[in-house]
Amino acid sequence: MSVPESALPRTAVPAGINDPVQSARAELKAALAAIEIKGNFPRRIEKASKRGAAKARAFADRNPVGAIAAAVGVAAAVGGLVWGIARAIAR
């Protein structure tokens, strides 16, 4: 039983190709798609930031006090880091 080509991921090579030229083309197409997916850093960063924002929103919905405490902690850590860098530069 064959899987429809539309159900396969872009980086998969369909099974059952007997023609060597078609097989090579399918392998090249899959390899280029994999390279494009791995090498497209702006898209990967955008997806990761969307996932992080969704997780943060879900956490804030479940635990608003914890979210406020986390935000204050992150702000204090960033402030301390900036202060430390500024102090090191001033010396």
PDB file of N, CA and C in Angstrom:
ATOM      1  N   MET A   1       0.849  -1.173   0.000  1.00  0.00           N
ATOM      2  CA  MET A   1       0.000   0.000   0.000  1.00  0.00           C
ATOM      3  C   MET A   1       0.891   1.230   0.000  1.00  0.00           C
ATOM      4  N   SER A   2       0.651   2.136  -0.913  1.00  0.00           N
ATOM      5  CA  SER A   2       1.486   3.313  -1.091  1.00  0.00           C
ATOM      6  C   SER A   2       0.860   4.514  -0.389  1.00  0.00           C
ATOM      7  N   VAL A   3       1.702   5.361   0.153  1.00  0.00           N
ATOM      8  CA  VAL A   3       1.253   6.583   0.810  1.00  0.00           C
ATOM      9  C   VAL A   3       1.142   7.662  -0.258  1.00  0.00           C
ATOM     10  N   PRO A   4       0.046   8.419  -0.285  1.00  0.00           N
ATOM     11  CA  PRO A   4      -0.054   9.497  -1.274  1.00  0.00           C
ATOM     12  C   PRO A   4       1.083  10.493  -1.111  1.00  0.00           C
ATOM     13  N   GLU A   5       1.548  11.010  -2.231  1.00  0.00           N
ATOM     14  CA  GLU A   5       2.705  11.908  -2.199  1.00  0.00           C
ATOM     15  C   GLU A   5       2.426  13.162  -1.390  1.00  0.00           C
ATOM     16  N   SER A   6       1.170  13.619  -1.351  1.00  0.00           N
ATOM     17  CA  SER A   6       0.849  14.823  -0.591  1.00  0.00           C
ATOM     18  C   SER A   6       0.945  14.593   0.916  1.00  0.00           C
ATOM     19  N   ALA A   7       0.877  13.312   1.358  1.00  0.00           N
ATOM     20  CA  ALA A   7       0.959  13.007   2.780  1.00  0.00           C
ATOM     21  C   ALA A   7       2.402  12.911   3.262  1.00  0.00           C
ATOM     22  N   LEU A   8       3.344  12.812   2.346  1.00  0.00           N
ATOM     23  CA  LEU A   8       4.751  12.715   2.726  1.00  0.00           C
ATOM     24  C   LEU A   8       5.309  14.092   3.068  1.00  0.00           C
ATOM     25  N   PRO A   9       6.236  14.150   4.022  1.00  0.00           N
ATOM     26  CA  PRO A   9       6.912  15.428   4.278  1.00  0.00           C
ATOM     27  C   PRO A   9       7.759  15.825   3.069  1.00  0.00           C
ATOM     28  N   ARG A  10       8.079  17.108   2.991  1.00  0.00           N
ATOM     29  CA  ARG A  10       8.869  17.597   1.851  1.00  0.00           C
ATOM     30  C   ARG A  10      10.238  16.953   1.781  1.00  0.00           C
ATOM     31  N   THR A  11      10.760  16.485   2.897  1.00  0.00           N
ATOM     32  CA  THR A  11      12.119  15.945   2.926  1.00  0.00           C
ATOM     33  C   THR A  11      12.162  14.435   2.753  1.00  0.00           C
ATOM     34  N   ALA A  12      11.028  13.807   2.432  1.00  0.00           N
ATOM     35  CA  ALA A  12      10.992  12.358   2.244  1.00  0.00           C
ATOM     36  C   ALA A  12      11.005  12.026   0.759  1.00  0.00           C
ATOM     37  N   VAL A  13      11.628  10.912   0.439  1.00  0.00           N
ATOM     38  CA  VAL A  13      11.660  10.420  -0.932  1.00  0.00           C
ATOM     39  C   VAL A  13      10.579   9.349  -1.061  1.00  0.00           C
ATOM     40  N   PRO A  14       9.649   9.514  -2.017  1.00  0.00           N
ATOM     41  CA  PRO A  14       8.591   8.510  -2.166  1.00  0.00           C
ATOM     42  C   PRO A  14       9.162   7.147  -2.555  1.00  0.00           C
ATOM     43  N   ALA A  15       8.571   6.098  -2.017  1.00  0.00           N
ATOM     44  CA  ALA A  15       9.015   4.735  -2.335  1.00  0.00           C
ATOM     45  C   ALA A  15       8.386   4.291  -3.647  1.00  0.00           C
ATOM     46  N   GLY A  16       9.005   3.325  -4.276  1.00  0.00           N
ATOM     47  CA  GLY A  16       8.444   2.724  -5.477  1.00  0.00           C
ATOM     48  C   GLY A  16       8.857   3.397  -6.770  1.00  0.00           C
ATOM     49  N   ILE A  17       9.840   4.270  -6.745  1.00  0.00           N
ATOM     50  CA  ILE A  17      10.314   4.898  -7.979  1.00  0.00           C
ATOM     51  C   ILE A  17      11.343   3.956  -8.599  1.00  0.00           C
ATOM     52  N   ASN A  18      11.045   3.486  -9.808  1.00  0.00           N
ATOM     53  CA  ASN A  18      11.936   2.524 -10.474  1.00  0.00           C
ATOM     54  C   ASN A  18      12.911   3.205 -11.420  1.00  0.00           C
ATOM     55  N   ASP A  19      12.538   4.330 -11.976  1.00  0.00           N
ATOM     56  CA  ASP A  19      13.397   5.034 -12.924  1.00  0.00           C
ATOM     57  C   ASP A  19      14.532   5.715 -12.162  1.00  0.00           C
ATOM     58  N   PRO A  20      15.786   5.449 -12.522  1.00  0.00           N
ATOM     59  CA  PRO A  20      16.907   6.049 -11.790  1.00  0.00           C
ATOM     60  C   PRO A  20      16.933   7.574 -11.892  1.00  0.00           C
ATOM     61  N   VAL A  21      16.492   8.123 -13.015  1.00  0.00           N
ATOM     62  CA  VAL A  21      16.494   9.578 -13.170  1.00  0.00           C
ATOM     63  C   VAL A  21      15.445  10.191 -12.245  1.00  0.00           C
ATOM     64  N   GLN A  22      14.255   9.628 -12.214  1.00  0.00           N
ATOM     65  CA  GLN A  22      13.220  10.132 -11.319  1.00  0.00           C
ATOM     66  C   GLN A  22      13.624   9.967  -9.860  1.00  0.00           C
ATOM     67  N   SER A  23      14.285   8.855  -9.555  1.00  0.00           N
ATOM     68  CA  SER A  23      14.743   8.624  -8.183  1.00  0.00           C
ATOM     69  C   SER A  23      15.773   9.677  -7.777  1.00  0.00           C
ATOM     70  N   ALA A  24      16.718   9.966  -8.676  1.00  0.00           N
ATOM     71  CA  ALA A  24      17.737  10.971  -8.383  1.00  0.00           C
ATOM     72  C   ALA A  24      17.101  12.342  -8.204  1.00  0.00           C
ATOM     73  N   ARG A  25      16.124  12.667  -9.049  1.00  0.00           N
ATOM     74  CA  ARG A  25      15.436  13.955  -8.914  1.00  0.00           C
ATOM     75  C   ARG A  25      14.688  14.052  -7.592  1.00  0.00           C
ATOM     76  N   ALA A  26      14.025  12.968  -7.204  1.00  0.00           N
ATOM     77  CA  ALA A  26      13.286  12.968  -5.940  1.00  0.00           C
ATOM     78  C   ALA A  26      14.238  13.109  -4.761  1.00  0.00           C
ATOM     79  N   GLU A  27      15.386  12.441  -4.811  1.00  0.00           N
ATOM     80  CA  GLU A  27      16.375  12.548  -3.743  1.00  0.00           C
ATOM     81  C   GLU A  27      16.956  13.954  -3.675  1.00  0.00           C
ATOM     82  N   LEU A  28      17.229  14.551  -4.837  1.00  0.00           N
ATOM     83  CA  LEU A  28      17.755  15.918  -4.862  1.00  0.00           C
ATOM     84  C   LEU A  28      16.722  16.901  -4.315  1.00  0.00           C
ATOM     85  N   LYS A  29      15.469  16.726  -4.713  1.00  0.00           N
ATOM     86  CA  LYS A  29      14.405  17.603  -4.230  1.00  0.00           C
ATOM     87  C   LYS A  29      14.280  17.495  -2.704  1.00  0.00           C
ATOM     88  N   ALA A  30      14.345  16.271  -2.176  1.00  0.00           N
ATOM     89  CA  ALA A  30      14.242  16.073  -0.731  1.00  0.00           C
ATOM     90  C   ALA A  30      15.453  16.667  -0.012  1.00  0.00           C
ATOM     91  N   ALA A  31      16.634  16.506  -0.579  1.00  0.00           N
ATOM     92  CA  ALA A  31      17.841  17.051   0.047  1.00  0.00           C
ATOM     93  C   ALA A  31      17.806  18.578   0.068  1.00  0.00           C
ATOM     94  N   LEU A  32      17.380  19.182  -1.035  1.00  0.00           N
ATOM     95  CA  LEU A  32      17.294  20.640  -1.074  1.00  0.00           C
ATOM     96  C   LEU A  32      16.241  21.163  -0.098  1.00  0.00           C
ATOM     97  N   ALA A  33      15.143  20.455   0.035  1.00  0.00           N
ATOM     98  CA  ALA A  33      14.120  20.864   1.000  1.00  0.00           C
ATOM     99  C   ALA A  33      14.659  20.781   2.431  1.00  0.00           C
ATOM    100  N   ALA A  34      15.419  19.722   2.723  1.00  0.00           N
ATOM    101  CA  ALA A  34      15.999  19.582   4.061  1.00  0.00           C
ATOM    102  C   ALA A  34      17.005  20.692   4.348  1.00  0.00           C
ATOM    103  N   ILE A  35      17.813  21.030   3.357  1.00  0.00           N
ATOM    104  CA  ILE A  35      18.790  22.105   3.527  1.00  0.00           C
ATOM    105  C   ILE A  35      18.072  23.433   3.753  1.00  0.00           C
ATOM    106  N   GLU A  36      16.990  23.668   3.000  1.00  0.00           N
ATOM    107  CA  GLU A  36      16.238  24.914   3.144  1.00  0.00           C
ATOM    108  C   GLU A  36      15.606  25.005   4.525  1.00  0.00           C
ATOM    109  N   ILE A  37      15.090  23.905   5.031  1.00  0.00           N
ATOM    110  CA  ILE A  37      14.459  23.911   6.350  1.00  0.00           C
ATOM    111  C   ILE A  37      15.505  24.151   7.435  1.00  0.00           C
ATOM    112  N   LYS A  38      16.634  23.453   7.346  1.00  0.00           N
ATOM    113  CA  LYS A  38      17.674  23.596   8.369  1.00  0.00           C
ATOM    114  C   LYS A  38      18.398  24.934   8.286  1.00  0.00           C
ATOM    115  N   GLY A  39      18.549  25.481   7.093  1.00  0.00           N
ATOM    116  CA  GLY A  39      19.338  26.689   6.916  1.00  0.00           C
ATOM    117  C   GLY A  39      18.564  27.982   7.033  1.00  0.00           C
ATOM    118  N   ASN A  40      17.246  27.914   7.120  1.00  0.00           N
ATOM    119  CA  ASN A  40      16.441  29.125   7.184  1.00  0.00           C
ATOM    120  C   ASN A  40      16.299  29.550   8.648  1.00  0.00           C
ATOM    121  N   PHE A  41      17.342  30.218   9.153  1.00  0.00           N
ATOM    122  CA  PHE A  41      17.370  30.599  10.566  1.00  0.00           C
ATOM    123  C   PHE A  41      16.281  31.600  10.941  1.00  0.00           C
ATOM    124  N   PRO A  42      15.974  32.599  10.125  1.00  0.00           N
ATOM    125  CA  PRO A  42      14.893  33.510  10.529  1.00  0.00           C
ATOM    126  C   PRO A  42      13.559  32.786  10.743  1.00  0.00           C
ATOM    127  N   ARG A  43      13.243  31.837   9.879  1.00  0.00           N
ATOM    128  CA  ARG A  43      11.995  31.101  10.048  1.00  0.00           C
ATOM    129  C   ARG A  43      12.044  30.232  11.296  1.00  0.00           C
ATOM    130  N   ARG A  44      13.186  29.581  11.547  1.00  0.00           N
ATOM    131  CA  ARG A  44      13.310  28.743  12.741  1.00  0.00           C
ATOM    132  C   ARG A  44      13.209  29.582  14.006  1.00  0.00           C
ATOM    133  N   ILE A  45      13.820  30.773  14.000  1.00  0.00           N
ATOM    134  CA  ILE A  45      13.753  31.661  15.164  1.00  0.00           C
ATOM    135  C   ILE A  45      12.319  32.145  15.374  1.00  0.00           C
ATOM    136  N   GLU A  46      11.643  32.473  14.270  1.00  0.00           N
ATOM    137  CA  GLU A  46      10.258  32.931  14.375  1.00  0.00           C
ATOM    138  C   GLU A  46       9.365  31.841  14.965  1.00  0.00           C
ATOM    139  N   LYS A  47       9.526  30.606  14.491  1.00  0.00           N
ATOM    140  CA  LYS A  47       8.720  29.502  15.021  1.00  0.00           C
ATOM    141  C   LYS A  47       9.020  29.256  16.499  1.00  0.00           C
ATOM    142  N   ALA A  48      10.302  29.309  16.872  1.00  0.00           N
ATOM    143  CA  ALA A  48      10.682  29.082  18.265  1.00  0.00           C
ATOM    144  C   ALA A  48      10.138  30.195  19.167  1.00  0.00           C
ATOM    145  N   SER A  49      10.175  31.442  18.691  1.00  0.00           N
ATOM    146  CA  SER A  49       9.656  32.533  19.512  1.00  0.00           C
ATOM    147  C   SER A  49       8.139  32.440  19.663  1.00  0.00           C
ATOM    148  N   LYS A  50       7.451  31.995  18.614  1.00  0.00           N
ATOM    149  CA  LYS A  50       5.994  31.811  18.721  1.00  0.00           C
ATOM    150  C   LYS A  50       5.660  30.703  19.714  1.00  0.00           C
ATOM    151  N   ARG A  51       6.443  29.599  19.672  1.00  0.00           N
ATOM    152  CA  ARG A  51       6.221  28.517  20.639  1.00  0.00           C
ATOM    153  C   ARG A  51       6.485  29.003  22.055  1.00  0.00           C
ATOM    154  N   GLY A  52       7.550  29.761  22.261  1.00  0.00           N
ATOM    155  CA  GLY A  52       7.866  30.291  23.587  1.00  0.00           C
ATOM    156  C   GLY A  52       6.809  31.253  24.094  1.00  0.00           C
ATOM    157  N   ALA A  53       6.306  32.105  23.205  1.00  0.00           N
ATOM    158  CA  ALA A  53       5.261  33.047  23.607  1.00  0.00           C
ATOM    159  C   ALA A  53       3.983  32.306  23.981  1.00  0.00           C
ATOM    160  N   ALA A  54       3.650  31.274  23.229  1.00  0.00           N
ATOM    161  CA  ALA A  54       2.448  30.489  23.537  1.00  0.00           C
ATOM    162  C   ALA A  54       2.602  29.785  24.881  1.00  0.00           C
ATOM    163  N   LYS A  55       3.800  29.250  25.148  1.00  0.00           N
ATOM    164  CA  LYS A  55       4.041  28.600  26.440  1.00  0.00           C
ATOM    165  C   LYS A  55       3.962  29.608  27.583  1.00  0.00           C
ATOM    166  N   ALA A  56       4.506  30.807  27.354  1.00  0.00           N
ATOM    167  CA  ALA A  56       4.463  31.841  28.395  1.00  0.00           C
ATOM    168  C   ALA A  56       3.027  32.274  28.673  1.00  0.00           C
ATOM    169  N   ARG A  57       2.224  32.422  27.607  1.00  0.00           N
ATOM    170  CA  ARG A  57       0.825  32.794  27.803  1.00  0.00           C
ATOM    171  C   ARG A  57       0.067  31.711  28.556  1.00  0.00           C
ATOM    172  N   ALA A  58       0.330  30.454  28.201  1.00  0.00           N
ATOM    173  CA  ALA A  58      -0.344  29.350  28.886  1.00  0.00           C
ATOM    174  C   ALA A  58       0.060  29.319  30.359  1.00  0.00           C
ATOM    175  N   PHE A  59       1.342  29.540  30.651  1.00  0.00           N
ATOM    176  CA  PHE A  59       1.812  29.573  32.031  1.00  0.00           C
ATOM    177  C   PHE A  59       1.166  30.734  32.787  1.00  0.00           C
ATOM    178  N   ALA A  60       1.074  31.897  32.133  1.00  0.00           N
ATOM    179  CA  ALA A  60       0.462  33.066  32.781  1.00  0.00           C
ATOM    180  C   ALA A  60      -1.022  32.832  33.045  1.00  0.00           C
ATOM    181  N   ASP A  61      -1.694  32.112  32.149  1.00  0.00           N
ATOM    182  CA  ASP A  61      -3.110  31.802  32.373  1.00  0.00           C
ATOM    183  C   ASP A  61      -3.292  30.840  33.543  1.00  0.00           C
ATOM    184  N   ARG A  62      -2.394  29.860  33.650  1.00  0.00           N
ATOM    185  CA  ARG A  62      -2.487  28.867  34.727  1.00  0.00           C
ATOM    186  C   ARG A  62      -2.050  29.441  36.067  1.00  0.00           C
ATOM    187  N   ASN A  63      -1.004  30.273  36.057  1.00  0.00           N
ATOM    188  CA  ASN A  63      -0.394  30.730  37.299  1.00  0.00           C
ATOM    189  C   ASN A  63       0.005  32.200  37.156  1.00  0.00           C
ATOM    190  N   PRO A  64      -0.929  33.131  37.331  1.00  0.00           N
ATOM    191  CA  PRO A  64      -0.600  34.550  37.126  1.00  0.00           C
ATOM    192  C   PRO A  64       0.437  35.083  38.114  1.00  0.00           C
ATOM    193  N   VAL A  65       0.379  34.643  39.369  1.00  0.00           N
ATOM    194  CA  VAL A  65       1.346  35.116  40.363  1.00  0.00           C
ATOM    195  C   VAL A  65       2.746  34.624  40.003  1.00  0.00           C
ATOM    196  N   GLY A  66       2.860  33.386  39.581  1.00  0.00           N
ATOM    197  CA  GLY A  66       4.153  32.845  39.160  1.00  0.00           C
ATOM    198  C   GLY A  66       4.694  33.563  37.946  1.00  0.00           C
ATOM    199  N   ALA A  67       3.802  33.943  37.015  1.00  0.00           N
ATOM    200  CA  ALA A  67       4.242  34.662  35.821  1.00  0.00           C
ATOM    201  C   ALA A  67       4.774  36.041  36.192  1.00  0.00           C
ATOM    202  N   ILE A  68       4.106  36.707  37.118  1.00  0.00           N
ATOM    203  CA  ILE A  68       4.582  38.024  37.563  1.00  0.00           C
ATOM    204  C   ILE A  68       5.935  37.881  38.262  1.00  0.00           C
ATOM    205  N   ALA A  69       6.062  36.869  39.105  1.00  0.00           N
ATOM    206  CA  ALA A  69       7.340  36.638  39.790  1.00  0.00           C
ATOM    207  C   ALA A  69       8.452  36.325  38.792  1.00  0.00           C
ATOM    208  N   ALA A  70       8.137  35.538  37.770  1.00  0.00           N
ATOM    209  CA  ALA A  70       9.136  35.220  36.745  1.00  0.00           C
ATOM    210  C   ALA A  70       9.543  36.469  35.978  1.00  0.00           C
ATOM    211  N   ALA A  71       8.575  37.321  35.641  1.00  0.00           N
ATOM    212  CA  ALA A  71       8.886  38.559  34.918  1.00  0.00           C
ATOM    213  C   ALA A  71       9.765  39.477  35.764  1.00  0.00           C
ATOM    214  N   VAL A  72       9.463  39.579  37.042  1.00  0.00           N
ATOM    215  CA  VAL A  72      10.281  40.408  37.936  1.00  0.00           C
ATOM    216  C   VAL A  72      11.692  39.824  38.048  1.00  0.00           C
ATOM    217  N   GLY A  73      11.783  38.520  38.143  1.00  0.00           N
ATOM    218  CA  GLY A  73      13.096  37.874  38.225  1.00  0.00           C
ATOM    219  C   GLY A  73      13.926  38.077  36.970  1.00  0.00           C
ATOM    220  N   VAL A  74      13.294  37.946  35.824  1.00  0.00           N
ATOM    221  CA  VAL A  74      14.014  38.161  34.560  1.00  0.00           C
ATOM    222  C   VAL A  74      14.450  39.622  34.451  1.00  0.00           C
ATOM    223  N   ALA A  75      13.562  40.544  34.818  1.00  0.00           N
ATOM    224  CA  ALA A  75      13.917  41.964  34.763  1.00  0.00           C
ATOM    225  C   ALA A  75      15.086  42.274  35.699  1.00  0.00           C
ATOM    226  N   ALA A  76      15.084  41.683  36.889  1.00  0.00           N
ATOM    227  CA  ALA A  76      16.182  41.909  37.836  1.00  0.00           C
ATOM    228  C   ALA A  76      17.486  41.328  37.296  1.00  0.00           C
ATOM    229  N   ALA A  77      17.405  40.147  36.682  1.00  0.00           N
ATOM    230  CA  ALA A  77      18.614  39.534  36.134  1.00  0.00           C
ATOM    231  C   ALA A  77      19.187  40.360  34.991  1.00  0.00           C
ATOM    232  N   VAL A  78      18.332  40.834  34.092  1.00  0.00           N
ATOM    233  CA  VAL A  78      18.797  41.660  32.973  1.00  0.00           C
ATOM    234  C   VAL A  78      19.344  42.977  33.497  1.00  0.00           C
ATOM    235  N   GLY A  79      18.664  43.584  34.460  1.00  0.00           N
ATOM    236  CA  GLY A  79      19.157  44.830  35.049  1.00  0.00           C
ATOM    237  C   GLY A  79      20.508  44.646  35.713  1.00  0.00           C
ATOM    238  N   GLY A  80      20.662  43.566  36.447  1.00  0.00           N
ATOM    239  CA  GLY A  80      21.953  43.282  37.085  1.00  0.00           C
ATOM    240  C   GLY A  80      23.054  43.054  36.076  1.00  0.00           C
ATOM    241  N   LEU A  81      22.733  42.376  34.986  1.00  0.00           N
ATOM    242  CA  LEU A  81      23.722  42.133  33.932  1.00  0.00           C
ATOM    243  C   LEU A  81      24.143  43.447  33.279  1.00  0.00           C
ATOM    244  N   VAL A  82      23.178  44.297  32.966  1.00  0.00           N
ATOM    245  CA  VAL A  82      23.494  45.592  32.358  1.00  0.00           C
ATOM    246  C   VAL A  82      24.302  46.443  33.327  1.00  0.00           C
ATOM    247  N   TRP A  83      23.925  46.447  34.577  1.00  0.00           N
ATOM    248  CA  TRP A  83      24.665  47.217  35.573  1.00  0.00           C
ATOM    249  C   TRP A  83      26.108  46.712  35.678  1.00  0.00           C
ATOM    250  N   GLY A  84      26.275  45.391  35.721  1.00  0.00           N
ATOM    251  CA  GLY A  84      27.611  44.820  35.817  1.00  0.00           C
ATOM    252  C   GLY A  84      28.486  45.174  34.608  1.00  0.00           C
ATOM    253  N   ILE A  85      27.899  45.105  33.413  1.00  0.00           N
ATOM    254  CA  ILE A  85      28.649  45.462  32.200  1.00  0.00           C
ATOM    255  C   ILE A  85      29.012  46.937  32.213  1.00  0.00           C
ATOM    256  N   ALA A  86      28.059  47.795  32.588  1.00  0.00           N
ATOM    257  CA  ALA A  86      28.324  49.226  32.638  1.00  0.00           C
ATOM    258  C   ALA A  86      29.398  49.544  33.660  1.00  0.00           C
ATOM    259  N   ARG A  87      29.377  48.867  34.797  1.00  0.00           N
ATOM    260  CA  ARG A  87      30.384  49.111  35.830  1.00  0.00           C
ATOM    261  C   ARG A  87      31.765  48.649  35.361  1.00  0.00           C
ATOM    262  N   ALA A  88      31.806  47.501  34.648  1.00  0.00           N
ATOM    263  CA  ALA A  88      33.086  46.999  34.148  1.00  0.00           C
ATOM    264  C   ALA A  88      33.662  47.936  33.081  1.00  0.00           C
ATOM    265  N   ILE A  89      32.800  48.496  32.265  1.00  0.00           N
ATOM    266  CA  ILE A  89      33.274  49.420  31.232  1.00  0.00           C
ATOM    267  C   ILE A  89      33.758  50.722  31.856  1.00  0.00           C
ATOM    268  N   ALA A  90      33.098  51.178  32.916  1.00  0.00           N
ATOM    269  CA  ALA A  90      33.448  52.450  33.552  1.00  0.00           C
ATOM    270  C   ALA A  90      34.803  52.385  34.264  1.00  0.00           C
ATOM    271  N   ARG A  91      35.244  51.219  34.638  1.00  0.00           N
ATOM    272  CA  ARG A  91      36.512  51.105  35.363  1.00  0.00           C
ATOM    273  C   ARG A  91      37.687  51.232  34.462  1.00  0.00           C
TER     274      ARG A  91
END
